[in-house]
């Protein structure tokens, strides 16, 4: 699992990172804890949260599963849709 380029617009990457960070923090998880559950390093997750890199679909799915949400919520265009934090 790891990095992969996608056709997601830059602002979509920022939204993705913000959503992952918000959900992780709402669940009381550290980067290291989430990373262990997902199978990636905490530094990679930090880069995703800061919109410096994009996760592969496999990693995105693993992150969503670890956060108990759907991958589609993480990449949805409308931020108002999905579970409340």
C-alpha atoms as a PDB file:
ATOM      1  CA  UNK A   1       0.000   0.000   0.000  1.00  0.00           C
ATOM      2  CA  UNK A   2       1.221   3.499  -0.561  1.00  0.00           C
ATOM      3  CA  UNK A   3       1.321   6.430  -2.879  1.00  0.00           C
ATOM      4  CA  UNK A   4      -0.342   6.663  -6.194  1.00  0.00           C
ATOM      5  CA  UNK A   5      -1.088   9.512  -8.525  1.00  0.00           C
ATOM      6  CA  UNK A   6      -4.687  10.192  -9.346  1.00  0.00           C
ATOM      7  CA  UNK A   7      -6.711  12.624 -11.352  1.00  0.00           C
ATOM      8  CA  UNK A   8      -8.213  14.125  -8.195  1.00  0.00           C
ATOM      9  CA  UNK A   9      -8.087  17.944  -8.332  1.00  0.00           C
ATOM     10  CA  UNK A  10      -5.726  19.635  -5.866  1.00  0.00           C
ATOM     11  CA  UNK A  11      -8.618  21.014  -3.806  1.00  0.00           C
ATOM     12  CA  UNK A  12     -10.031  17.472  -3.625  1.00  0.00           C
ATOM     13  CA  UNK A  13      -6.740  16.277  -2.164  1.00  0.00           C
ATOM     14  CA  UNK A  14      -6.941  18.991   0.512  1.00  0.00           C
ATOM     15  CA  UNK A  15     -10.507  17.980   1.375  1.00  0.00           C
ATOM     16  CA  UNK A  16      -9.450  14.335   1.581  1.00  0.00           C
ATOM     17  CA  UNK A  17      -6.605  15.114   3.973  1.00  0.00           C
ATOM     18  CA  UNK A  18      -8.789  17.350   6.115  1.00  0.00           C
ATOM     19  CA  UNK A  19     -11.490  14.685   6.354  1.00  0.00           C
ATOM     20  CA  UNK A  20      -9.038  11.974   7.328  1.00  0.00           C
ATOM     21  CA  UNK A  21      -7.474  14.187  10.004  1.00  0.00           C
ATOM     22  CA  UNK A  22     -10.847  15.256  11.415  1.00  0.00           C
ATOM     23  CA  UNK A  23     -12.148  11.697  11.585  1.00  0.00           C
ATOM     24  CA  UNK A  24      -8.914  10.354  13.065  1.00  0.00           C
ATOM     25  CA  UNK A  25      -8.881  13.005  15.779  1.00  0.00           C
ATOM     26  CA  UNK A  26     -12.611  12.571  16.495  1.00  0.00           C
ATOM     27  CA  UNK A  27     -11.918   8.903  17.136  1.00  0.00           C
ATOM     28  CA  UNK A  28      -9.001   9.713  19.419  1.00  0.00           C
ATOM     29  CA  UNK A  29      -6.421   7.997  17.207  1.00  0.00           C
ATOM     30  CA  UNK A  30      -2.831   9.104  16.735  1.00  0.00           C
ATOM     31  CA  UNK A  31      -1.154   8.964  13.341  1.00  0.00           C
ATOM     32  CA  UNK A  32       0.892   6.001  14.590  1.00  0.00           C
ATOM     33  CA  UNK A  33      -2.196   4.086  15.759  1.00  0.00           C
ATOM     34  CA  UNK A  34      -4.061   4.630  12.505  1.00  0.00           C
ATOM     35  CA  UNK A  35      -0.933   3.810  10.519  1.00  0.00           C
ATOM     36  CA  UNK A  36      -0.513   0.479  12.312  1.00  0.00           C
ATOM     37  CA  UNK A  37      -4.141  -0.418  11.648  1.00  0.00           C
ATOM     38  CA  UNK A  38      -3.912   0.568   7.980  1.00  0.00           C
ATOM     39  CA  UNK A  39      -0.435  -0.844   7.342  1.00  0.00           C
ATOM     40  CA  UNK A  40       1.329   2.424   6.452  1.00  0.00           C
ATOM     41  CA  UNK A  41       3.743   4.653   8.325  1.00  0.00           C
ATOM     42  CA  UNK A  42       2.622   7.583  10.437  1.00  0.00           C
ATOM     43  CA  UNK A  43       4.760   9.842   8.258  1.00  0.00           C
ATOM     44  CA  UNK A  44       2.881   8.726   5.136  1.00  0.00           C
ATOM     45  CA  UNK A  45      -0.470   9.443   6.841  1.00  0.00           C
ATOM     46  CA  UNK A  46       0.830  12.840   7.901  1.00  0.00           C
ATOM     47  CA  UNK A  47       1.696  13.606   4.278  1.00  0.00           C
ATOM     48  CA  UNK A  48      -1.807  12.539   3.191  1.00  0.00           C
ATOM     49  CA  UNK A  49      -3.416  14.726   5.868  1.00  0.00           C
ATOM     50  CA  UNK A  50      -1.279  17.679   4.782  1.00  0.00           C
ATOM     51  CA  UNK A  51      -2.160  17.076   1.112  1.00  0.00           C
ATOM     52  CA  UNK A  52       1.441  16.378   0.153  1.00  0.00           C
ATOM     53  CA  UNK A  53       0.653  12.970  -1.319  1.00  0.00           C
ATOM     54  CA  UNK A  54      -2.358  10.882  -2.278  1.00  0.00           C
ATOM     55  CA  UNK A  55      -3.069   7.364  -1.080  1.00  0.00           C
ATOM     56  CA  UNK A  56      -3.718   4.522  -3.497  1.00  0.00           C
ATOM     57  CA  UNK A  57      -7.274   3.243  -3.692  1.00  0.00           C
ATOM     58  CA  UNK A  58      -6.243   0.220  -1.631  1.00  0.00           C
ATOM     59  CA  UNK A  59      -4.797   2.455   1.098  1.00  0.00           C
ATOM     60  CA  UNK A  60      -7.782   4.801   0.949  1.00  0.00           C
ATOM     61  CA  UNK A  61     -10.101   1.838   1.446  1.00  0.00           C
ATOM     62  CA  UNK A  62      -8.016   0.624   4.403  1.00  0.00           C
ATOM     63  CA  UNK A  63      -8.070   4.111   5.975  1.00  0.00           C
ATOM     64  CA  UNK A  64     -11.845   4.305   5.536  1.00  0.00           C
ATOM     65  CA  UNK A  65     -12.300   0.866   7.070  1.00  0.00           C
ATOM     66  CA  UNK A  66     -10.105   1.766  10.051  1.00  0.00           C
ATOM     67  CA  UNK A  67     -12.152   4.939  10.573  1.00  0.00           C
ATOM     68  CA  UNK A  68     -15.423   2.973  10.191  1.00  0.00           C
ATOM     69  CA  UNK A  69     -16.669   4.985   7.209  1.00  0.00           C
ATOM     70  CA  UNK A  70     -16.988   4.419   3.479  1.00  0.00           C
ATOM     71  CA  UNK A  71     -14.210   5.341   1.096  1.00  0.00           C
ATOM     72  CA  UNK A  72     -16.799   7.229  -0.949  1.00  0.00           C
ATOM     73  CA  UNK A  73     -17.391   9.588   1.993  1.00  0.00           C
ATOM     74  CA  UNK A  74     -13.698  10.483   2.018  1.00  0.00           C
ATOM     75  CA  UNK A  75     -13.709  11.455  -1.641  1.00  0.00           C
ATOM     76  CA  UNK A  76     -17.267  12.820  -1.948  1.00  0.00           C
ATOM     77  CA  UNK A  77     -17.472  16.202  -3.634  1.00  0.00           C
ATOM     78  CA  UNK A  78     -19.973  17.573  -1.123  1.00  0.00           C
ATOM     79  CA  UNK A  79     -18.484  17.822   2.351  1.00  0.00           C
ATOM     80  CA  UNK A  80     -21.903  17.996   4.015  1.00  0.00           C
ATOM     81  CA  UNK A  81     -22.680  14.370   3.198  1.00  0.00           C
ATOM     82  CA  UNK A  82     -21.693  11.510   5.428  1.00  0.00           C
ATOM     83  CA  UNK A  83     -21.452  10.792   9.137  1.00  0.00           C
ATOM     84  CA  UNK A  84     -21.194  13.533  11.704  1.00  0.00           C
ATOM     85  CA  UNK A  85     -17.908  13.765  13.542  1.00  0.00           C
END
